[in-house]
C-alpha atoms as a PDB file:
ATOM      1  CA  MET A   1     -66.075 -46.057 213.806  1.00  0.00           C
ATOM      2  CA  TYR A   2     -69.828 -47.531 213.158  1.00  0.00           C
ATOM      3  CA  ALA A   3     -70.163 -50.810 214.998  1.00  0.00           C
ATOM      4  CA  THR A   4     -70.843 -52.623 211.540  1.00  0.00           C
ATOM      5  CA  GLN A   5     -67.469 -51.382 210.341  1.00  0.00           C
ATOM      6  CA  ALA A   6     -66.090 -52.961 213.282  1.00  0.00           C
ATOM      7  CA  LEU A   7     -67.757 -55.974 212.782  1.00  0.00           C
ATOM      8  CA  THR A   8     -66.928 -56.360 209.214  1.00  0.00           C
ATOM      9  CA  HIS A   9     -63.077 -56.333 210.611  1.00  0.00           C
ATOM     10  CA  LEU A  10     -63.998 -59.324 212.710  1.00  0.00           C
ATOM     11  CA  VAL A  11     -65.438 -61.663 210.406  1.00  0.00           C
ATOM     12  CA  PRO A  12     -62.445 -62.538 208.135  1.00  0.00           C
ATOM     13  CA  LEU A  13     -61.012 -63.522 211.724  1.00  0.00           C
ATOM     14  CA  ALA A  14     -63.613 -65.778 212.360  1.00  0.00           C
ATOM     15  CA  ALA A  15     -63.983 -67.262 208.695  1.00  0.00           C
ATOM     16  CA  GLU A  16     -60.335 -68.338 209.391  1.00  0.00           C
ATOM     17  CA  GLU A  17     -61.625 -70.355 212.527  1.00  0.00           C
ATOM     18  CA  LEU A  18     -65.051 -71.716 211.014  1.00  0.00           C
ATOM     19  CA  ASP A  19     -64.803 -75.602 210.016  1.00  0.00           C
ATOM     20  CA  LYS A  20     -66.582 -75.845 206.999  1.00  0.00           C
ATOM     21  CA  ASN A  21     -66.763 -79.581 207.556  1.00  0.00           C
ATOM     22  CA  LYS A  22     -68.992 -78.981 210.963  1.00  0.00           C
ATOM     23  CA  VAL A  23     -73.078 -77.803 210.778  1.00  0.00           C
ATOM     24  CA  THR A  24     -74.884 -76.278 213.887  1.00  0.00           C
ATOM     25  CA  PRO A  25     -78.333 -75.020 214.282  1.00  0.00           C
ATOM     26  CA  GLY A  26     -76.862 -71.548 215.882  1.00  0.00           C
ATOM     27  CA  VAL A  27     -79.122 -69.097 217.778  1.00  0.00           C
ATOM     28  CA  LEU A  28     -81.858 -69.057 214.744  1.00  0.00           C
ATOM     29  CA  GLY A  29     -82.287 -72.652 214.987  1.00  0.00           C
ATOM     30  CA  PHE A  30     -82.611 -72.231 218.949  1.00  0.00           C
ATOM     31  CA  LEU A  31     -84.971 -69.656 218.332  1.00  0.00           C
ATOM     32  CA  VAL A  32     -87.619 -71.742 215.831  1.00  0.00           C
ATOM     33  CA  PHE A  33     -87.476 -74.195 218.079  1.00  0.00           C
ATOM     34  CA  ALA A  34     -88.560 -72.450 221.104  1.00  0.00           C
ATOM     35  CA  ALA A  35     -90.973 -70.780 219.452  1.00  0.00           C
ATOM     36  CA  LEU A  36     -92.315 -74.575 218.285  1.00  0.00           C
ATOM     37  CA  ALA A  37     -91.683 -75.765 221.825  1.00  0.00           C
ATOM     38  CA  VAL A  38     -94.190 -72.296 223.194  1.00  0.00           C
ATOM     39  CA  GLY A  39     -96.589 -72.785 220.382  1.00  0.00           C
ATOM     40  CA  VAL A  40     -97.574 -76.338 221.621  1.00  0.00           C
ATOM     41  CA  TRP A  41     -97.743 -75.315 225.226  1.00  0.00           C
ATOM     42  CA  ALA A  42    -100.169 -72.501 224.293  1.00  0.00           C
ATOM     43  CA  LEU A  43    -102.046 -74.960 222.397  1.00  0.00           C
ATOM     44  CA  MET A  44    -101.784 -78.083 224.856  1.00  0.00           C
ATOM     45  CA  LYS A  45    -103.182 -75.248 227.584  1.00  0.00           C
ATOM     46  CA  SER A  46    -106.196 -74.251 225.146  1.00  0.00           C
ATOM     47  CA  MET A  47    -106.959 -78.172 224.558  1.00  0.00           C
ATOM     48  CA  ASN A  48    -107.076 -78.582 228.461  1.00  0.00           C
ATOM     49  CA  ARG A  49    -109.138 -75.839 229.181  1.00  0.00           C
ATOM     50  CA  HIS A  50    -111.724 -76.807 226.198  1.00  0.00           C
ATOM     51  CA  MET A  51    -111.831 -79.978 227.309  1.00  0.00           C
ATOM     52  CA  GLY A  52    -112.603 -78.872 230.668  1.00  0.00           C
ATOM     53  CA  ARG A  53    -115.688 -77.223 229.297  1.00  0.00           C
ATOM     54  CA  VAL A  54    -117.552 -80.390 227.367  1.00  0.00           C
ATOM     55  CA  ASN A  55    -120.074 -82.091 229.115  1.00  0.00           C
ATOM     56  CA  PHE A  56    -119.411 -86.022 228.805  1.00  0.00           C
ATOM     57  CA  GLU A  57    -122.845 -86.448 229.977  1.00  0.00           C
ATOM     58  CA  GLU A  58    -124.820 -88.749 227.515  1.00  0.00           C
ATOM     59  CA  ALA A  59    -128.155 -88.161 226.464  1.00  0.00           C
ATOM     60  CA  PRO A  60    -130.475 -91.070 227.436  1.00  0.00           C
ATOM     61  CA  ASP A  61    -131.795 -93.158 224.596  1.00  0.00           C
ATOM     62  CA  PRO A  62    -135.082 -91.600 222.918  1.00  0.00           C
ATOM     63  CA  ASP A  63    -136.145 -95.593 222.256  1.00  0.00           C
ATOM     64  CA  ALA A  64    -135.527 -96.334 225.715  1.00  0.00           C
ATOM     65  CA  VAL A  65    -137.335 -93.642 227.155  1.00  0.00           C
ATOM     66  CA  ALA A  66    -140.555 -94.650 225.136  1.00  0.00           C
ATOM     67  CA  ALA A  67    -140.362 -98.024 225.679  1.00  0.00           C
ATOM     68  CA  GLU A  68    -140.307 -96.967 229.617  1.00  0.00           C
ATOM     69  CA  LEU A  69    -143.211 -94.621 229.203  1.00  0.00           C
ATOM     70  CA  ALA A  70    -144.962 -97.039 227.359  1.00  0.00           C
ATOM     71  CA  GLY A  71    -144.395 -99.958 229.377  1.00  0.00           C
ATOM     72  CA  GLY A  72    -145.413 -97.868 232.609  1.00  0.00           C
ATOM     73  CA  THR A  73    -143.509-100.691 234.937  1.00  0.00           C
ATOM     74  CA  GLY A  74    -141.417 -98.101 236.477  1.00  0.00           C
ATOM     75  CA  LYS A  75    -138.065 -99.811 235.514  1.00  0.00           C
ATOM     76  CA  ALA A  76    -135.113 -98.318 233.816  1.00  0.00           C
ATOM     77  CA  ALA A  77    -134.493-100.183 230.388  1.00  0.00           C
ATOM     78  CA  SER A  78    -131.276-102.378 230.470  1.00  0.00           C
ATOM     79  CA  PRO A  79    -128.295-101.277 228.224  1.00  0.00           C
ATOM     80  CA  ALA A  80    -127.847-103.092 224.910  1.00  0.00           C
ATOM     81  CA  LYS A  81    -124.846-105.426 224.958  1.00  0.00           C
END
């Protein structure tokens, strides 16, 4: 006897106990949820890795550098408010 034939004999028994008013996500719902959780975890890990490579240093303002070179005072320009 094959396993599928054995299971088909058990299906009517399970159908008697099945409450048609109760809906559950079952194993497939859990697997989909787990796959989404693993995907979000992988995306967050990738984002953290990419954010670590970002250079947050600002480039100097070209107008301030030009004014400093033209003025020749040697003082840095004050930031604009």
